[in-house]
C-alpha atoms as a PDB file:
ATOM      1  CA  UNK A   1      63.767 100.137 109.107  1.00  0.00           C
ATOM      2  CA  UNK A   2      63.734  96.447 108.350  1.00  0.00           C
ATOM      3  CA  UNK A   3      64.534  93.724 110.839  1.00  0.00           C
ATOM      4  CA  UNK A   4      64.919  89.987 110.327  1.00  0.00           C
ATOM      5  CA  UNK A   5      61.862  87.840 110.973  1.00  0.00           C
ATOM      6  CA  UNK A   6      61.252  87.408 114.687  1.00  0.00           C
ATOM      7  CA  UNK A   7      62.260  85.514 116.702  1.00  0.00           C
ATOM      8  CA  UNK A   8      65.961  85.301 115.927  1.00  0.00           C
ATOM      9  CA  UNK A   9      69.101  84.882 118.009  1.00  0.00           C
ATOM     10  CA  UNK A  10      72.152  87.125 118.176  1.00  0.00           C
ATOM     11  CA  UNK A  11      73.096  90.495 116.678  1.00  0.00           C
ATOM     12  CA  UNK A  12      71.660  90.982 113.181  1.00  0.00           C
ATOM     13  CA  UNK A  13      71.875  94.791 112.745  1.00  0.00           C
ATOM     14  CA  UNK A  14      75.649  95.292 112.710  1.00  0.00           C
ATOM     15  CA  UNK A  15      78.531  93.707 110.879  1.00  0.00           C
ATOM     16  CA  UNK A  16      81.033  94.931 113.508  1.00  0.00           C
ATOM     17  CA  UNK A  17      82.652  92.376 115.767  1.00  0.00           C
ATOM     18  CA  UNK A  18      82.259  92.300 119.546  1.00  0.00           C
ATOM     19  CA  UNK A  19      78.878  94.017 119.700  1.00  0.00           C
ATOM     20  CA  UNK A  20      77.317  93.337 123.098  1.00  0.00           C
ATOM     21  CA  UNK A  21      73.882  94.845 122.549  1.00  0.00           C
ATOM     22  CA  UNK A  22      71.819  97.061 120.257  1.00  0.00           C
ATOM     23  CA  UNK A  23      68.572  98.832 121.110  1.00  0.00           C
ATOM     24  CA  UNK A  24      66.584 100.543 118.340  1.00  0.00           C
ATOM     25  CA  UNK A  25      63.440 102.621 118.955  1.00  0.00           C
ATOM     26  CA  UNK A  26      61.331 104.006 116.103  1.00  0.00           C
ATOM     27  CA  UNK A  27      59.291 107.083 116.985  1.00  0.00           C
ATOM     28  CA  UNK A  28      56.882 109.422 115.254  1.00  0.00           C
ATOM     29  CA  UNK A  29      55.194 112.640 116.282  1.00  0.00           C
ATOM     30  CA  UNK A  30      51.534 113.329 115.637  1.00  0.00           C
ATOM     31  CA  UNK A  31      49.190 116.274 115.339  1.00  0.00           C
ATOM     32  CA  UNK A  32      45.587 115.670 116.353  1.00  0.00           C
ATOM     33  CA  UNK A  33      42.570 117.717 115.301  1.00  0.00           C
ATOM     34  CA  UNK A  34      39.552 117.369 117.549  1.00  0.00           C
ATOM     35  CA  UNK A  35      36.060 117.606 116.148  1.00  0.00           C
ATOM     36  CA  UNK A  36      33.172 119.539 117.641  1.00  0.00           C
ATOM     37  CA  UNK A  37      32.248 116.564 119.878  1.00  0.00           C
ATOM     38  CA  UNK A  38      35.700 116.524 121.492  1.00  0.00           C
ATOM     39  CA  UNK A  39      36.886 113.304 119.823  1.00  0.00           C
ATOM     40  CA  UNK A  40      39.919 113.198 117.584  1.00  0.00           C
ATOM     41  CA  UNK A  41      38.635 113.647 114.026  1.00  0.00           C
ATOM     42  CA  UNK A  42      41.936 113.726 112.117  1.00  0.00           C
ATOM     43  CA  UNK A  43      45.503 112.664 112.839  1.00  0.00           C
ATOM     44  CA  UNK A  44      48.626 113.610 110.909  1.00  0.00           C
ATOM     45  CA  UNK A  45      51.831 111.692 111.691  1.00  0.00           C
ATOM     46  CA  UNK A  46      55.103 113.539 111.033  1.00  0.00           C
ATOM     47  CA  UNK A  47      58.801 113.664 111.880  1.00  0.00           C
ATOM     48  CA  UNK A  48      59.732 109.968 112.072  1.00  0.00           C
ATOM     49  CA  UNK A  49      62.967 109.291 113.962  1.00  0.00           C
ATOM     50  CA  UNK A  50      64.981 106.270 114.995  1.00  0.00           C
ATOM     51  CA  UNK A  51      66.861 106.381 118.302  1.00  0.00           C
ATOM     52  CA  UNK A  52      69.541 103.784 119.002  1.00  0.00           C
ATOM     53  CA  UNK A  53      72.063 102.639 121.606  1.00  0.00           C
ATOM     54  CA  UNK A  54      74.974 100.341 120.823  1.00  0.00           C
ATOM     55  CA  UNK A  55      77.349  98.684 123.334  1.00  0.00           C
ATOM     56  CA  UNK A  56      80.463  96.754 122.433  1.00  0.00           C
ATOM     57  CA  UNK A  57      84.197  96.140 122.647  1.00  0.00           C
ATOM     58  CA  UNK A  58      87.168  96.501 120.314  1.00  0.00           C
ATOM     59  CA  UNK A  59      87.792  98.996 117.553  1.00  0.00           C
ATOM     60  CA  UNK A  60      85.100 101.407 116.410  1.00  0.00           C
ATOM     61  CA  UNK A  61      85.132 104.481 114.178  1.00  0.00           C
ATOM     62  CA  UNK A  62      81.963 106.044 115.613  1.00  0.00           C
ATOM     63  CA  UNK A  63      82.460 109.532 117.091  1.00  0.00           C
ATOM     64  CA  UNK A  64      80.065 112.249 118.330  1.00  0.00           C
ATOM     65  CA  UNK A  65      78.590 114.367 115.543  1.00  0.00           C
ATOM     66  CA  UNK A  66      76.954 113.579 112.235  1.00  0.00           C
ATOM     67  CA  UNK A  67      77.933 110.373 110.506  1.00  0.00           C
ATOM     68  CA  UNK A  68      77.115 106.695 110.328  1.00  0.00           C
ATOM     69  CA  UNK A  69      75.110 104.838 112.962  1.00  0.00           C
ATOM     70  CA  UNK A  70      77.196 101.716 112.417  1.00  0.00           C
ATOM     71  CA  UNK A  71      73.920  99.785 112.063  1.00  0.00           C
ATOM     72  CA  UNK A  72      72.781  98.114 108.868  1.00  0.00           C
ATOM     73  CA  UNK A  73      69.105  98.904 109.497  1.00  0.00           C
ATOM     74  CA  UNK A  74      69.554 102.626 110.325  1.00  0.00           C
ATOM     75  CA  UNK A  75      70.493 104.447 107.122  1.00  0.00           C
ATOM     76  CA  UNK A  76      69.498 107.429 105.026  1.00  0.00           C
ATOM     77  CA  UNK A  77      68.720 110.990 106.024  1.00  0.00           C
ATOM     78  CA  UNK A  78      70.915 112.480 108.756  1.00  0.00           C
ATOM     79  CA  UNK A  79      72.335 110.506 111.674  1.00  0.00           C
ATOM     80  CA  UNK A  80      73.590 112.295 114.777  1.00  0.00           C
ATOM     81  CA  UNK A  81      75.745 110.474 117.320  1.00  0.00           C
ATOM     82  CA  UNK A  82      74.852 112.327 120.512  1.00  0.00           C
ATOM     83  CA  UNK A  83      77.065 110.533 123.043  1.00  0.00           C
ATOM     84  CA  UNK A  84      80.062 108.201 123.041  1.00  0.00           C
ATOM     85  CA  UNK A  85      81.369 106.605 126.275  1.00  0.00           C
ATOM     86  CA  UNK A  86      84.596 104.667 126.810  1.00  0.00           C
ATOM     87  CA  UNK A  87      84.941 102.531 129.931  1.00  0.00           C
ATOM     88  CA  UNK A  88      88.154 100.927 131.160  1.00  0.00           C
ATOM     89  CA  UNK A  89      88.861  98.977 134.337  1.00  0.00           C
ATOM     90  CA  UNK A  90      91.657  96.966 135.956  1.00  0.00           C
ATOM     91  CA  UNK A  91      89.630  93.765 135.942  1.00  0.00           C
ATOM     92  CA  UNK A  92      87.408  94.215 132.913  1.00  0.00           C
ATOM     93  CA  UNK A  93      87.617  94.390 129.146  1.00  0.00           C
ATOM     94  CA  UNK A  94      87.617  97.925 127.805  1.00  0.00           C
ATOM     95  CA  UNK A  95      84.178  98.725 126.430  1.00  0.00           C
ATOM     96  CA  UNK A  96      82.334 101.526 124.698  1.00  0.00           C
ATOM     97  CA  UNK A  97      78.773 102.596 124.122  1.00  0.00           C
ATOM     98  CA  UNK A  98      77.133 105.258 122.027  1.00  0.00           C
ATOM     99  CA  UNK A  99      73.675 106.531 121.298  1.00  0.00           C
ATOM    100  CA  UNK A 100      72.201 108.608 118.566  1.00  0.00           C
ATOM    101  CA  UNK A 101      69.220 109.546 116.500  1.00  0.00           C
ATOM    102  CA  UNK A 102      68.456 109.197 112.803  1.00  0.00           C
ATOM    103  CA  UNK A 103      66.231 111.656 110.936  1.00  0.00           C
ATOM    104  CA  UNK A 104      65.348 109.698 107.758  1.00  0.00           C
ATOM    105  CA  UNK A 105      63.672 112.661 106.012  1.00  0.00           C
ATOM    106  CA  UNK A 106      66.418 115.218 106.755  1.00  0.00           C
ATOM    107  CA  UNK A 107      69.033 116.381 104.277  1.00  0.00           C
END
């Protein structure tokens, strides 16, 4: 994942209009091997993932299932949209939010 140089202002990871917020978390799992003294002697990182949440207004084509994250910095591998919420109110703009996970090494 690449992000613009920090600090910057505004939404940089989506070309969609009316995006309220984006949160992106990169994670990795690890396997540790302890030596005879009890300290960690070797570490193997594996299974990198990127979890994301997007909130906005207006039209969107994102739906639950596999597909696009809608984010310019989350691409490749397999992306799973796990949840999509639509919120409407009498005195508020209609809004939506979704979250998902990207497995960059999956096919």
